[in-house]
C-alpha atoms as a PDB file:
ATOM      1  CA  UNK A   1       0.000   0.000   0.000  1.00  0.00           C
ATOM      2  CA  UNK A   2       1.084   3.560  -0.702  1.00  0.00           C
ATOM      3  CA  UNK A   3      -0.306   6.840   0.611  1.00  0.00           C
ATOM      4  CA  UNK A   4      -0.305   9.997  -1.492  1.00  0.00           C
ATOM      5  CA  UNK A   5      -1.037  13.544  -0.432  1.00  0.00           C
ATOM      6  CA  UNK A   6      -3.351  14.971  -3.090  1.00  0.00           C
ATOM      7  CA  UNK A   7      -4.657  18.434  -3.890  1.00  0.00           C
ATOM      8  CA  UNK A   8      -7.815  19.283  -5.808  1.00  0.00           C
ATOM      9  CA  UNK A   9      -8.147  22.191  -8.218  1.00  0.00           C
ATOM     10  CA  UNK A  10      -9.820  24.152  -5.384  1.00  0.00           C
ATOM     11  CA  UNK A  11      -6.720  23.852  -3.185  1.00  0.00           C
ATOM     12  CA  UNK A  12      -7.968  21.261  -0.678  1.00  0.00           C
ATOM     13  CA  UNK A  13      -5.200  18.885   0.428  1.00  0.00           C
ATOM     14  CA  UNK A  14      -6.103  15.341   1.460  1.00  0.00           C
ATOM     15  CA  UNK A  15      -4.579  11.874   1.717  1.00  0.00           C
ATOM     16  CA  UNK A  16      -5.513   8.717  -0.202  1.00  0.00           C
ATOM     17  CA  UNK A  17      -4.187   5.169  -0.010  1.00  0.00           C
ATOM     18  CA  UNK A  18      -3.584   3.032  -3.097  1.00  0.00           C
ATOM     19  CA  UNK A  19      -2.391  -0.493  -3.773  1.00  0.00           C
ATOM     20  CA  UNK A  20       0.501   0.913  -5.828  1.00  0.00           C
ATOM     21  CA  UNK A  21       1.357   3.870  -8.079  1.00  0.00           C
ATOM     22  CA  UNK A  22      -0.281   2.176 -11.080  1.00  0.00           C
ATOM     23  CA  UNK A  23      -3.522   1.936  -9.104  1.00  0.00           C
ATOM     24  CA  UNK A  24      -3.357   5.686  -8.403  1.00  0.00           C
ATOM     25  CA  UNK A  25      -2.800   6.470 -12.095  1.00  0.00           C
ATOM     26  CA  UNK A  26      -5.673   4.197 -13.136  1.00  0.00           C
ATOM     27  CA  UNK A  27      -8.098   5.760 -10.634  1.00  0.00           C
ATOM     28  CA  UNK A  28      -6.985   9.301 -11.526  1.00  0.00           C
ATOM     29  CA  UNK A  29      -7.470   8.739 -15.260  1.00  0.00           C
ATOM     30  CA  UNK A  30     -10.933   7.297 -14.537  1.00  0.00           C
ATOM     31  CA  UNK A  31     -11.765  10.390 -12.420  1.00  0.00           C
ATOM     32  CA  UNK A  32     -12.874   8.264  -9.469  1.00  0.00           C
ATOM     33  CA  UNK A  33     -10.684  10.042  -6.915  1.00  0.00           C
ATOM     34  CA  UNK A  34     -12.740  12.846  -5.375  1.00  0.00           C
ATOM     35  CA  UNK A  35     -11.865  15.581  -2.902  1.00  0.00           C
ATOM     36  CA  UNK A  36     -13.601  14.829   0.421  1.00  0.00           C
ATOM     37  CA  UNK A  37     -14.312  18.552   0.902  1.00  0.00           C
ATOM     38  CA  UNK A  38     -15.740  19.652  -2.460  1.00  0.00           C
ATOM     39  CA  UNK A  39     -16.059  16.388  -4.447  1.00  0.00           C
ATOM     40  CA  UNK A  40     -13.722  17.738  -7.192  1.00  0.00           C
ATOM     41  CA  UNK A  41     -12.153  14.942  -9.266  1.00  0.00           C
ATOM     42  CA  UNK A  42      -9.392  17.145 -10.757  1.00  0.00           C
ATOM     43  CA  UNK A  43      -6.595  16.062  -8.386  1.00  0.00           C
ATOM     44  CA  UNK A  44      -2.802  16.014  -8.444  1.00  0.00           C
ATOM     45  CA  UNK A  45      -0.139  14.536  -6.178  1.00  0.00           C
ATOM     46  CA  UNK A  46       1.415  16.959  -3.696  1.00  0.00           C
ATOM     47  CA  UNK A  47       5.068  16.756  -2.754  1.00  0.00           C
ATOM     48  CA  UNK A  48       5.359  14.964   0.573  1.00  0.00           C
ATOM     49  CA  UNK A  49       8.545  15.076   2.633  1.00  0.00           C
ATOM     50  CA  UNK A  50       7.675  11.726   4.217  1.00  0.00           C
ATOM     51  CA  UNK A  51       8.631   8.332   2.792  1.00  0.00           C
ATOM     52  CA  UNK A  52       9.352   4.858   4.091  1.00  0.00           C
ATOM     53  CA  UNK A  53      11.930   2.832   2.224  1.00  0.00           C
ATOM     54  CA  UNK A  54      11.532  -0.911   1.895  1.00  0.00           C
ATOM     55  CA  UNK A  55      14.402  -3.120   3.062  1.00  0.00           C
ATOM     56  CA  UNK A  56      15.213  -4.138  -0.520  1.00  0.00           C
ATOM     57  CA  UNK A  57      15.609  -0.496  -1.521  1.00  0.00           C
ATOM     58  CA  UNK A  58      17.806   0.175   1.490  1.00  0.00           C
ATOM     59  CA  UNK A  59      20.070  -2.751   0.599  1.00  0.00           C
ATOM     60  CA  UNK A  60      20.403  -1.472  -2.986  1.00  0.00           C
ATOM     61  CA  UNK A  61      21.421   1.953  -1.706  1.00  0.00           C
ATOM     62  CA  UNK A  62      23.810   0.584   0.910  1.00  0.00           C
ATOM     63  CA  UNK A  63      27.208   2.153   0.429  1.00  0.00           C
ATOM     64  CA  UNK A  64      25.768   5.068  -1.564  1.00  0.00           C
ATOM     65  CA  UNK A  65      25.620   8.423   0.200  1.00  0.00           C
ATOM     66  CA  UNK A  66      22.455  10.414  -0.335  1.00  0.00           C
ATOM     67  CA  UNK A  67      22.834  13.558  -2.411  1.00  0.00           C
ATOM     68  CA  UNK A  68      21.163  16.562  -0.738  1.00  0.00           C
ATOM     69  CA  UNK A  69      21.632  18.657  -3.881  1.00  0.00           C
ATOM     70  CA  UNK A  70      19.601  16.100  -5.861  1.00  0.00           C
ATOM     71  CA  UNK A  71      16.812  16.156  -3.247  1.00  0.00           C
ATOM     72  CA  UNK A  72      16.630  19.959  -3.287  1.00  0.00           C
ATOM     73  CA  UNK A  73      16.692  19.922  -7.084  1.00  0.00           C
ATOM     74  CA  UNK A  74      13.641  17.635  -7.138  1.00  0.00           C
ATOM     75  CA  UNK A  75      11.842  20.030  -4.790  1.00  0.00           C
ATOM     76  CA  UNK A  76      12.813  23.016  -6.945  1.00  0.00           C
ATOM     77  CA  UNK A  77      11.581  21.249 -10.098  1.00  0.00           C
ATOM     78  CA  UNK A  78       8.252  20.529  -8.401  1.00  0.00           C
ATOM     79  CA  UNK A  79       7.891  24.149  -7.310  1.00  0.00           C
ATOM     80  CA  UNK A  80       8.749  25.372 -10.810  1.00  0.00           C
ATOM     81  CA  UNK A  81       6.025  23.148 -12.275  1.00  0.00           C
ATOM     82  CA  UNK A  82       3.224  23.690  -9.732  1.00  0.00           C
ATOM     83  CA  UNK A  83       3.690  27.195  -8.282  1.00  0.00           C
ATOM     84  CA  UNK A  84       3.242  30.636  -9.865  1.00  0.00           C
ATOM     85  CA  UNK A  85       6.373  32.768  -9.456  1.00  0.00           C
ATOM     86  CA  UNK A  86       5.312  36.177  -8.140  1.00  0.00           C
ATOM     87  CA  UNK A  87       8.880  37.255  -7.321  1.00  0.00           C
ATOM     88  CA  UNK A  88       9.235  40.192  -4.945  1.00  0.00           C
ATOM     89  CA  UNK A  89       5.426  40.583  -4.840  1.00  0.00           C
ATOM     90  CA  UNK A  90       5.184  37.392  -2.736  1.00  0.00           C
ATOM     91  CA  UNK A  91       4.116  39.070   0.516  1.00  0.00           C
ATOM     92  CA  UNK A  92       1.574  41.336  -1.186  1.00  0.00           C
ATOM     93  CA  UNK A  93       0.069  38.424  -3.157  1.00  0.00           C
ATOM     94  CA  UNK A  94       0.090  36.029  -0.164  1.00  0.00           C
ATOM     95  CA  UNK A  95      -1.805  38.593   1.923  1.00  0.00           C
ATOM     96  CA  UNK A  96      -4.357  39.141  -0.861  1.00  0.00           C
ATOM     97  CA  UNK A  97      -4.952  35.378  -1.063  1.00  0.00           C
ATOM     98  CA  UNK A  98      -5.154  35.116   2.731  1.00  0.00           C
ATOM     99  CA  UNK A  99      -7.717  37.928   2.949  1.00  0.00           C
ATOM    100  CA  UNK A 100      -9.759  36.526   0.034  1.00  0.00           C
ATOM    101  CA  UNK A 101      -8.966  39.436  -2.288  1.00  0.00           C
ATOM    102  CA  UNK A 102      -7.185  37.218  -4.837  1.00  0.00           C
ATOM    103  CA  UNK A 103      -7.696  33.751  -6.278  1.00  0.00           C
ATOM    104  CA  UNK A 104      -6.436  30.949  -4.024  1.00  0.00           C
ATOM    105  CA  UNK A 105      -3.445  29.306  -5.732  1.00  0.00           C
ATOM    106  CA  UNK A 106       0.092  28.073  -5.145  1.00  0.00           C
ATOM    107  CA  UNK A 107       2.619  30.903  -5.323  1.00  0.00           C
ATOM    108  CA  UNK A 108       6.344  31.241  -4.800  1.00  0.00           C
ATOM    109  CA  UNK A 109       8.620  34.237  -4.538  1.00  0.00           C
ATOM    110  CA  UNK A 110      10.926  36.115  -2.208  1.00  0.00           C
ATOM    111  CA  UNK A 111      10.320  38.048   0.987  1.00  0.00           C
ATOM    112  CA  UNK A 112      12.455  40.157   3.273  1.00  0.00           C
ATOM    113  CA  UNK A 113      12.802  39.200   6.962  1.00  0.00           C
ATOM    114  CA  UNK A 114      10.414  42.057   7.810  1.00  0.00           C
ATOM    115  CA  UNK A 115       7.850  40.753   5.309  1.00  0.00           C
ATOM    116  CA  UNK A 116       8.199  37.243   6.761  1.00  0.00           C
ATOM    117  CA  UNK A 117       7.435  38.669  10.217  1.00  0.00           C
ATOM    118  CA  UNK A 118       4.339  40.407   8.825  1.00  0.00           C
ATOM    119  CA  UNK A 119       3.134  37.168   7.199  1.00  0.00           C
ATOM    120  CA  UNK A 120       3.605  35.287  10.492  1.00  0.00           C
ATOM    121  CA  UNK A 121       1.729  37.988  12.423  1.00  0.00           C
ATOM    122  CA  UNK A 122      -1.172  37.820   9.936  1.00  0.00           C
ATOM    123  CA  UNK A 123      -1.291  34.015  10.192  1.00  0.00           C
ATOM    124  CA  UNK A 124      -0.305  33.400   6.577  1.00  0.00           C
ATOM    125  CA  UNK A 125       1.296  29.941   6.233  1.00  0.00           C
ATOM    126  CA  UNK A 126       4.452  29.815   4.139  1.00  0.00           C
ATOM    127  CA  UNK A 127       7.538  27.654   3.792  1.00  0.00           C
ATOM    128  CA  UNK A 128      11.066  28.807   3.095  1.00  0.00           C
ATOM    129  CA  UNK A 129      12.932  26.648   0.571  1.00  0.00           C
ATOM    130  CA  UNK A 130      16.584  27.257  -0.316  1.00  0.00           C
ATOM    131  CA  UNK A 131      17.126  28.380  -3.889  1.00  0.00           C
ATOM    132  CA  UNK A 132      19.692  26.293  -5.715  1.00  0.00           C
ATOM    133  CA  UNK A 133      22.134  27.642  -8.213  1.00  0.00           C
ATOM    134  CA  UNK A 134      21.412  25.536 -11.281  1.00  0.00           C
ATOM    135  CA  UNK A 135      24.622  23.724 -12.169  1.00  0.00           C
ATOM    136  CA  UNK A 136      23.120  22.225 -15.307  1.00  0.00           C
ATOM    137  CA  UNK A 137      21.594  25.452 -16.685  1.00  0.00           C
END
């Protein structure tokens, strides 16, 4: 069994269990996965920082050191694909979304320490992710 964090097109995040990844793909293509909040069937997988490795996988990796750059690169690629880059307007746009003045959506950008403090005080959830210098660009 495998658990995926999913998000619907309305921004609701929920968890679903599947027999395997092929089962998820089959159910997604058949539109039988529905958001428990709004019943939307337009869902996507959400990056999850949690994983359990099987013993066989661990044995295969034995002797290999994990590459933190590769892990951060995967995160950065996901953000590039699924988040709108609002640049230095991040705080302004995050507050608009929080107050309901702008469409709810995934955004990314930059904020000063003072802007981060303001977002925390207003109760706006955000996550800081290190920006990688692209070695392969």
